Amino acid sequence: MSKAWWLVVVTCALGCGSSSSTKVDAGTTDGKPADSKPIDGPAHVFMDGPPGTTPLKVKNYLSWCTVTVNGGTPSAGAQQLVNVDPGTIDLSATANTGFKLGLWHHTDGDSGSGDPGTVVTGTSSTTVTVGATATCVWVCCPFTDGTGCPTADQCP
């Protein structure tokens, strides 16, 4: 057989047979990935993480801190989403240059006005207890004069 015939067969195998001009991911119904939604049931199951884990979102206000979640890699990113086993999760933060340690919010030590954590050698450590539903905490390391952190909740 000629090379041209094989080219037609391969080309058709990759793209023939569809009369639809709109491509839709088989995992979507509304244009959003299906795995970004929990499956409702007796306990929420989140498809992005391993079975039995729960998403923990840790927000780092304007990336003014370097944050470590559950002993993982320190990150100065604005947000980390980590799938964790339910239970007590360790959190720590260090202030980036030009900032100082601030308060954690929605952690075990936050009674409503923020949690300074336990500060040792320039690192603030605290915990959050995660159950079967997604959890969010946030931290802010203010300017060295103590200003700059928001009063509005960053985990609405």
N, C-alpha and C. Protein backbone atom coordinates (compact mmCIF):
# COMPACT_ATOMS: atom_id res chain seq x y z
N MET A 1 0.84 -1.18 0.00
CA MET A 1 0.00 0.00 0.00
C MET A 1 0.88 1.23 0.00
N SER A 2 0.31 2.31 -0.51
CA SER A 2 1.09 3.54 -0.61
C SER A 2 1.13 4.27 0.72
N LYS A 3 2.14 5.13 0.85
CA LYS A 3 2.27 5.93 2.06
C LYS A 3 1.09 6.89 2.21
N ALA A 4 0.55 7.37 1.12
CA ALA A 4 -0.59 8.30 1.17
C ALA A 4 -1.81 7.62 1.78
N TRP A 5 -2.04 6.36 1.46
CA TRP A 5 -3.18 5.64 2.02
C TRP A 5 -3.04 5.50 3.53
N TRP A 6 -1.85 5.18 4.01
CA TRP A 6 -1.61 5.05 5.45
C TRP A 6 -1.80 6.41 6.14
N LEU A 7 -1.40 7.47 5.49
CA LEU A 7 -1.58 8.80 6.05
C LEU A 7 -3.07 9.11 6.23
N VAL A 8 -3.90 8.72 5.26
CA VAL A 8 -5.35 8.93 5.36
C VAL A 8 -5.91 8.10 6.51
N VAL A 9 -5.49 6.85 6.64
CA VAL A 9 -5.99 5.98 7.69
C VAL A 9 -5.62 6.54 9.07
N VAL A 10 -4.38 6.94 9.24
CA VAL A 10 -3.93 7.47 10.53
C VAL A 10 -4.64 8.78 10.83
N THR A 11 -4.75 9.67 9.85
CA THR A 11 -5.41 10.95 10.04
C THR A 11 -6.87 10.76 10.42
N CYS A 12 -7.55 9.86 9.74
CA CYS A 12 -8.96 9.61 10.03
C CYS A 12 -9.12 8.97 11.40
N ALA A 13 -8.21 8.11 11.78
CA ALA A 13 -8.29 7.47 13.09
C ALA A 13 -8.17 8.50 14.21
N LEU A 14 -7.43 9.57 13.95
CA LEU A 14 -7.25 10.60 14.96
C LEU A 14 -8.36 11.63 14.96
N GLY A 15 -9.07 11.84 13.84
CA GLY A 15 -10.02 12.93 13.82
C GLY A 15 -11.31 12.72 13.06
N CYS A 16 -11.49 11.62 12.36
CA CYS A 16 -12.71 11.40 11.59
C CYS A 16 -13.83 10.89 12.48
N GLY A 17 -15.05 11.03 11.98
CA GLY A 17 -16.19 10.43 12.65
C GLY A 17 -16.95 11.37 13.55
N SER A 18 -16.51 12.59 13.72
CA SER A 18 -17.23 13.53 14.57
C SER A 18 -17.81 14.62 13.71
N SER A 19 -19.11 14.86 13.85
CA SER A 19 -19.73 15.93 13.10
C SER A 19 -19.94 17.16 13.98
N SER A 20 -19.60 17.03 15.27
CA SER A 20 -19.77 18.14 16.21
C SER A 20 -18.65 19.14 16.06
N SER A 21 -19.01 20.42 16.04
CA SER A 21 -17.98 21.44 15.98
C SER A 21 -17.56 21.88 17.38
N THR A 22 -18.27 21.42 18.41
CA THR A 22 -17.93 21.77 19.77
C THR A 22 -17.32 20.57 20.46
N LYS A 23 -16.13 20.75 20.98
CA LYS A 23 -15.46 19.68 21.71
C LYS A 23 -15.77 19.85 23.19
N VAL A 24 -16.23 18.79 23.83
CA VAL A 24 -16.54 18.83 25.26
C VAL A 24 -15.79 17.69 25.92
N ASP A 25 -15.10 18.02 26.99
CA ASP A 25 -14.42 17.01 27.77
C ASP A 25 -15.47 16.05 28.33
N ALA A 26 -15.22 14.77 28.20
CA ALA A 26 -16.18 13.78 28.68
C ALA A 26 -16.42 13.90 30.18
N GLY A 27 -15.48 14.53 30.90
CA GLY A 27 -15.64 14.68 32.34
C GLY A 27 -16.32 15.97 32.73
N THR A 28 -16.96 16.68 31.79
CA THR A 28 -17.61 17.93 32.14
C THR A 28 -19.04 17.94 31.67
N THR A 29 -19.84 18.75 32.32
CA THR A 29 -21.20 18.98 31.87
C THR A 29 -21.47 20.46 31.72
N ASP A 30 -20.67 21.28 32.40
CA ASP A 30 -20.89 22.72 32.37
C ASP A 30 -19.62 23.50 32.03
N GLY A 31 -18.64 22.84 31.43
CA GLY A 31 -17.40 23.50 31.07
C GLY A 31 -16.36 23.50 32.18
N LYS A 32 -16.70 22.98 33.36
CA LYS A 32 -15.76 22.90 34.47
C LYS A 32 -15.34 21.44 34.64
N PRO A 33 -14.09 21.20 35.03
CA PRO A 33 -13.67 19.82 35.25
C PRO A 33 -14.52 19.15 36.31
N ALA A 34 -14.94 17.94 36.02
CA ALA A 34 -15.80 17.21 36.96
C ALA A 34 -15.07 16.92 38.26
N ASP A 35 -13.74 16.78 38.21
CA ASP A 35 -13.02 16.42 39.42
C ASP A 35 -12.83 17.58 40.38
N SER A 36 -13.35 18.76 40.04
CA SER A 36 -13.23 19.88 40.96
C SER A 36 -14.42 19.96 41.91
N LYS A 37 -15.34 19.03 41.78
CA LYS A 37 -16.53 19.04 42.62
C LYS A 37 -16.53 17.84 43.54
N PRO A 38 -17.04 18.03 44.77
CA PRO A 38 -17.16 16.86 45.64
C PRO A 38 -18.31 15.98 45.17
N ILE A 39 -18.20 14.71 45.47
CA ILE A 39 -19.29 13.78 45.22
C ILE A 39 -20.09 13.72 46.51
N ASP A 40 -21.37 14.04 46.43
CA ASP A 40 -22.19 14.03 47.64
C ASP A 40 -22.48 12.59 48.06
N GLY A 41 -22.55 12.41 49.32
CA GLY A 41 -22.84 11.10 49.89
C GLY A 41 -22.73 11.20 51.39
N PRO A 42 -22.61 10.08 52.07
CA PRO A 42 -22.51 10.11 53.52
C PRO A 42 -21.34 10.97 53.98
N ALA A 43 -20.24 10.92 53.25
CA ALA A 43 -19.09 11.79 53.51
C ALA A 43 -18.69 12.36 52.17
N HIS A 44 -18.26 13.60 52.16
CA HIS A 44 -17.83 14.19 50.90
C HIS A 44 -16.54 13.52 50.45
N VAL A 45 -16.50 13.11 49.20
CA VAL A 45 -15.31 12.52 48.62
C VAL A 45 -14.81 13.49 47.56
N PHE A 46 -13.57 13.90 47.66
CA PHE A 46 -13.00 14.84 46.71
C PHE A 46 -12.13 14.07 45.74
N MET A 47 -12.43 14.26 44.47
CA MET A 47 -11.79 13.44 43.44
C MET A 47 -10.35 13.83 43.16
N ASP A 48 -9.91 15.03 43.56
CA ASP A 48 -8.55 15.45 43.26
C ASP A 48 -7.52 14.76 44.14
N GLY A 49 -7.89 14.30 45.30
CA GLY A 49 -6.94 13.72 46.24
C GLY A 49 -7.11 12.23 46.36
N PRO A 50 -6.14 11.61 47.00
CA PRO A 50 -6.25 10.16 47.24
C PRO A 50 -7.46 9.86 48.12
N PRO A 51 -8.01 8.68 48.00
CA PRO A 51 -9.17 8.31 48.81
C PRO A 51 -8.88 8.50 50.30
N GLY A 52 -9.86 9.04 51.00
CA GLY A 52 -9.72 9.24 52.45
C GLY A 52 -9.10 10.56 52.85
N THR A 53 -8.63 11.34 51.86
CA THR A 53 -8.01 12.63 52.20
C THR A 53 -9.02 13.76 52.04
N THR A 54 -8.69 14.89 52.65
CA THR A 54 -9.52 16.08 52.62
C THR A 54 -8.67 17.26 52.16
N PRO A 55 -9.21 18.13 51.31
CA PRO A 55 -8.43 19.29 50.88
C PRO A 55 -8.28 20.32 52.00
N LEU A 56 -7.06 20.77 52.19
CA LEU A 56 -6.74 21.85 53.12
C LEU A 56 -6.16 22.99 52.29
N LYS A 57 -6.86 24.12 52.29
CA LYS A 57 -6.38 25.30 51.59
C LYS A 57 -5.70 26.21 52.60
N VAL A 58 -4.45 26.59 52.32
CA VAL A 58 -3.70 27.48 53.19
C VAL A 58 -3.37 28.72 52.39
N LYS A 59 -3.95 29.85 52.79
CA LYS A 59 -3.73 31.11 52.10
C LYS A 59 -2.66 31.92 52.83
N ASN A 60 -1.75 32.47 52.04
CA ASN A 60 -0.62 33.26 52.53
C ASN A 60 -0.82 34.67 51.98
N TYR A 61 -1.37 35.57 52.79
CA TYR A 61 -1.77 36.89 52.32
C TYR A 61 -0.62 37.60 51.60
N LEU A 62 -0.85 37.89 50.32
CA LEU A 62 0.08 38.58 49.42
C LEU A 62 1.49 37.98 49.41
N SER A 63 1.59 36.71 49.81
CA SER A 63 2.86 35.97 49.79
C SER A 63 3.92 36.63 50.68
N TRP A 64 3.49 37.19 51.80
CA TRP A 64 4.43 37.87 52.69
C TRP A 64 5.12 36.92 53.66
N CYS A 65 4.70 35.66 53.69
CA CYS A 65 5.32 34.64 54.54
C CYS A 65 5.82 33.50 53.66
N THR A 66 6.61 32.64 54.25
CA THR A 66 6.92 31.35 53.64
C THR A 66 6.27 30.32 54.55
N VAL A 67 5.40 29.49 53.97
CA VAL A 67 4.54 28.60 54.74
C VAL A 67 4.85 27.13 54.45
N THR A 68 4.87 26.35 55.50
CA THR A 68 5.04 24.89 55.38
C THR A 68 3.78 24.22 55.91
N VAL A 69 3.24 23.29 55.12
CA VAL A 69 2.02 22.57 55.49
C VAL A 69 2.34 21.10 55.67
N ASN A 70 2.08 20.61 56.87
CA ASN A 70 2.19 19.17 57.15
C ASN A 70 3.58 18.61 56.86
N GLY A 71 4.62 19.40 57.12
CA GLY A 71 5.99 18.95 56.90
C GLY A 71 6.43 18.95 55.45
N GLY A 72 5.62 19.55 54.57
CA GLY A 72 5.95 19.58 53.14
C GLY A 72 7.01 20.63 52.81
N THR A 73 7.12 20.93 51.54
CA THR A 73 8.09 21.90 51.05
C THR A 73 7.63 23.31 51.38
N PRO A 74 8.49 24.13 51.99
CA PRO A 74 8.11 25.53 52.26
C PRO A 74 7.77 26.26 50.97
N SER A 75 6.74 27.12 51.04
CA SER A 75 6.30 27.84 49.85
C SER A 75 5.97 29.29 50.22
N ALA A 76 6.42 30.21 49.36
CA ALA A 76 6.07 31.62 49.50
C ALA A 76 4.89 31.95 48.59
N GLY A 77 4.28 30.95 48.00
CA GLY A 77 3.13 31.16 47.13
C GLY A 77 1.94 31.70 47.90
N ALA A 78 1.01 32.31 47.17
CA ALA A 78 -0.16 32.92 47.79
C ALA A 78 -1.13 31.89 48.36
N GLN A 79 -1.08 30.66 47.86
CA GLN A 79 -2.02 29.65 48.32
C GLN A 79 -1.46 28.26 48.07
N GLN A 80 -1.73 27.36 48.99
CA GLN A 80 -1.41 25.96 48.81
C GLN A 80 -2.69 25.16 49.02
N LEU A 81 -2.93 24.19 48.18
CA LEU A 81 -4.03 23.26 48.37
C LEU A 81 -3.40 21.89 48.54
N VAL A 82 -3.53 21.35 49.75
CA VAL A 82 -2.87 20.10 50.10
C VAL A 82 -3.95 19.10 50.53
N ASN A 83 -3.93 17.92 49.96
CA ASN A 83 -4.84 16.86 50.38
C ASN A 83 -4.21 16.14 51.56
N VAL A 84 -4.90 16.16 52.69
CA VAL A 84 -4.36 15.61 53.93
C VAL A 84 -5.30 14.56 54.49
N ASP A 85 -4.74 13.68 55.30
CA ASP A 85 -5.57 12.74 56.05
C ASP A 85 -6.25 13.52 57.17
N PRO A 86 -7.53 13.27 57.43
CA PRO A 86 -8.18 13.96 58.53
C PRO A 86 -7.40 13.77 59.83
N GLY A 87 -7.37 14.83 60.63
CA GLY A 87 -6.63 14.82 61.89
C GLY A 87 -5.96 16.16 62.10
N THR A 88 -4.98 16.19 62.98
CA THR A 88 -4.27 17.41 63.31
C THR A 88 -3.12 17.62 62.32
N ILE A 89 -3.12 18.78 61.68
CA ILE A 89 -2.13 19.10 60.64
C ILE A 89 -1.22 20.22 61.15
N ASP A 90 0.08 20.02 61.04
CA ASP A 90 1.06 21.02 61.46
C ASP A 90 1.21 22.10 60.38
N LEU A 91 1.29 23.35 60.84
CA LEU A 91 1.51 24.50 59.97
C LEU A 91 2.64 25.33 60.54
N SER A 92 3.46 25.93 59.68
CA SER A 92 4.48 26.86 60.16
C SER A 92 4.69 27.95 59.13
N ALA A 93 5.14 29.10 59.64
CA ALA A 93 5.40 30.24 58.76
C ALA A 93 6.62 30.99 59.25
N THR A 94 7.36 31.51 58.30
CA THR A 94 8.44 32.46 58.58
C THR A 94 8.15 33.70 57.76
N ALA A 95 8.51 34.85 58.29
CA ALA A 95 8.27 36.10 57.58
C ALA A 95 9.33 36.29 56.50
N ASN A 96 8.89 36.73 55.34
CA ASN A 96 9.83 37.04 54.26
C ASN A 96 10.49 38.38 54.57
N THR A 97 11.57 38.69 53.86
CA THR A 97 12.31 39.93 54.07
C THR A 97 11.39 41.14 53.96
N GLY A 98 11.48 42.04 54.95
CA GLY A 98 10.65 43.24 54.98
C GLY A 98 9.35 43.07 55.74
N PHE A 99 9.14 41.88 56.31
CA PHE A 99 7.90 41.58 57.03
C PHE A 99 8.24 40.94 58.37
N LYS A 100 7.24 40.82 59.24
CA LYS A 100 7.43 40.14 60.51
C LYS A 100 6.30 39.13 60.70
N LEU A 101 6.48 38.22 61.63
CA LEU A 101 5.46 37.20 61.88
C LEU A 101 4.15 37.86 62.30
N GLY A 102 3.06 37.29 61.79
CA GLY A 102 1.73 37.81 62.12
C GLY A 102 0.86 36.71 62.67
N LEU A 103 -0.41 36.81 62.37
CA LEU A 103 -1.40 35.89 62.94
C LEU A 103 -1.91 34.87 61.93
N TRP A 104 -2.22 33.69 62.44
CA TRP A 104 -2.93 32.64 61.72
C TRP A 104 -4.42 32.82 61.98
N HIS A 105 -5.25 32.37 61.06
CA HIS A 105 -6.70 32.45 61.23
C HIS A 105 -7.33 31.11 60.86
N HIS A 106 -8.34 30.71 61.64
CA HIS A 106 -9.09 29.45 61.49
C HIS A 106 -8.26 28.24 61.89
N THR A 107 -7.27 28.45 62.73
CA THR A 107 -6.46 27.35 63.25
C THR A 107 -7.00 26.93 64.61
N ASP A 108 -6.44 25.88 65.17
CA ASP A 108 -6.89 25.39 66.48
C ASP A 108 -6.70 26.45 67.57
N GLY A 109 -5.69 27.30 67.44
CA GLY A 109 -5.41 28.31 68.46
C GLY A 109 -6.11 29.64 68.23
N ASP A 110 -6.94 29.74 67.19
CA ASP A 110 -7.63 30.99 66.88
C ASP A 110 -8.99 31.02 67.58
N SER A 111 -9.12 31.91 68.55
CA SER A 111 -10.40 32.02 69.26
C SER A 111 -11.26 33.13 68.67
N GLY A 112 -10.88 33.65 67.52
CA GLY A 112 -11.67 34.67 66.84
C GLY A 112 -10.88 35.91 66.49
N SER A 113 -9.76 36.12 67.14
CA SER A 113 -8.96 37.32 66.85
C SER A 113 -7.58 36.99 66.28
N GLY A 114 -7.37 35.74 65.91
CA GLY A 114 -6.09 35.33 65.33
C GLY A 114 -5.28 34.50 66.30
N ASP A 115 -4.34 33.79 65.75
CA ASP A 115 -3.48 32.86 66.50
C ASP A 115 -2.04 33.21 66.20
N PRO A 116 -1.26 33.66 67.19
CA PRO A 116 0.14 33.97 66.92
C PRO A 116 0.99 32.71 66.73
N GLY A 117 0.44 31.57 67.08
CA GLY A 117 1.21 30.34 67.00
C GLY A 117 2.26 30.31 68.10
N THR A 118 3.08 29.29 68.09
CA THR A 118 4.21 29.19 69.00
C THR A 118 5.44 29.64 68.22
N VAL A 119 6.08 30.69 68.67
CA VAL A 119 7.20 31.27 67.93
C VAL A 119 8.51 30.80 68.53
N VAL A 120 9.32 30.15 67.69
CA VAL A 120 10.65 29.70 68.07
C VAL A 120 11.59 30.02 66.92
N THR A 121 12.64 30.75 67.21
CA THR A 121 13.68 31.09 66.25
C THR A 121 13.10 31.62 64.93
N GLY A 122 12.18 32.56 65.02
CA GLY A 122 11.64 33.21 63.83
C GLY A 122 10.62 32.41 63.04
N THR A 123 10.12 31.32 63.62
CA THR A 123 9.10 30.51 62.96
C THR A 123 7.88 30.40 63.85
N SER A 124 6.71 30.68 63.29
CA SER A 124 5.45 30.54 63.99
C SER A 124 4.84 29.20 63.61
N SER A 125 4.59 28.36 64.62
CA SER A 125 4.00 27.03 64.38
C SER A 125 2.65 26.93 65.07
N THR A 126 1.72 26.27 64.39
CA THR A 126 0.39 26.04 64.94
C THR A 126 -0.19 24.78 64.29
N THR A 127 -1.43 24.47 64.60
CA THR A 127 -2.09 23.30 64.01
C THR A 127 -3.50 23.65 63.59
N VAL A 128 -4.04 22.83 62.72
CA VAL A 128 -5.45 22.90 62.35
C VAL A 128 -5.96 21.46 62.34
N THR A 129 -7.15 21.27 62.87
CA THR A 129 -7.77 19.95 62.85
C THR A 129 -8.69 19.87 61.64
N VAL A 130 -8.42 18.91 60.79
CA VAL A 130 -9.17 18.73 59.54
C VAL A 130 -10.06 17.51 59.69
N GLY A 131 -11.31 17.67 59.30
CA GLY A 131 -12.26 16.55 59.33
C GLY A 131 -12.52 16.04 57.92
N ALA A 132 -13.77 15.72 57.63
CA ALA A 132 -14.14 15.14 56.34
C ALA A 132 -14.53 16.19 55.31
N THR A 133 -14.59 17.47 55.71
CA THR A 133 -14.95 18.52 54.75
C THR A 133 -13.76 19.43 54.52
N ALA A 134 -13.73 20.06 53.36
CA ALA A 134 -12.62 20.95 52.99
C ALA A 134 -12.45 22.04 54.05
N THR A 135 -11.21 22.38 54.33
CA THR A 135 -10.86 23.35 55.35
C THR A 135 -9.97 24.43 54.77
N CYS A 136 -10.11 25.65 55.29
CA CYS A 136 -9.28 26.77 54.84
C CYS A 136 -8.73 27.51 56.05
N VAL A 137 -7.45 27.82 56.03
CA VAL A 137 -6.81 28.67 57.03
C VAL A 137 -6.02 29.73 56.28
N TRP A 138 -5.68 30.81 56.98
CA TRP A 138 -4.85 31.83 56.34
C TRP A 138 -3.92 32.47 57.36
N VAL A 139 -2.84 33.03 56.83
CA VAL A 139 -1.83 33.68 57.65
C VAL A 139 -1.41 34.97 56.95
N CYS A 140 -1.03 35.96 57.75
CA CYS A 140 -0.50 37.20 57.21
C CYS A 140 0.73 37.60 58.01
N CYS A 141 1.80 37.91 57.31
CA CYS A 141 3.00 38.46 57.92
C CYS A 141 3.03 39.94 57.55
N PRO A 142 2.72 40.82 58.52
CA PRO A 142 2.62 42.25 58.20
C PRO A 142 3.99 42.90 57.96
N PHE A 143 3.93 44.16 57.52
CA PHE A 143 5.15 44.95 57.41
C PHE A 143 5.82 45.01 58.79
N THR A 144 7.09 45.36 58.83
CA THR A 144 7.82 45.38 60.10
C THR A 144 7.22 46.34 61.12
N ASP A 145 6.42 47.33 60.67
CA ASP A 145 5.75 48.24 61.61
C ASP A 145 4.41 47.69 62.08
N GLY A 146 4.05 46.46 61.65
CA GLY A 146 2.82 45.82 62.09
C GLY A 146 1.60 46.09 61.26
N THR A 147 1.71 46.93 60.22
CA THR A 147 0.56 47.25 59.38
C THR A 147 0.52 46.36 58.14
N GLY A 148 -0.63 46.42 57.45
CA GLY A 148 -0.73 45.77 56.15
C GLY A 148 -1.64 44.56 56.06
N CYS A 149 -1.91 43.90 57.19
CA CYS A 149 -2.77 42.72 57.13
C CYS A 149 -4.24 43.12 57.09
N PRO A 150 -5.03 42.38 56.34
CA PRO A 150 -6.46 42.71 56.22
C PRO A 150 -7.24 42.34 57.49
N THR A 151 -8.35 43.00 57.67
CA THR A 151 -9.26 42.62 58.76
C THR A 151 -10.34 41.67 58.22
N ALA A 152 -10.57 41.69 56.91
CA ALA A 152 -11.57 40.79 56.31
C ALA A 152 -11.05 39.36 56.24
N ASP A 153 -11.94 38.43 56.48
CA ASP A 153 -11.61 37.01 56.40
C ASP A 153 -11.15 36.65 54.99
N GLN A 154 -10.04 35.97 54.87
CA GLN A 154 -9.50 35.57 53.57
C GLN A 154 -9.99 34.17 53.16
N CYS A 155 -10.78 33.53 54.01
CA CYS A 155 -11.38 32.22 53.72
C CYS A 155 -12.89 32.33 53.81
N PRO A 156 -13.50 33.13 52.94
CA PRO A 156 -14.96 33.29 53.05
C PRO A 156 -15.69 32.01 52.69
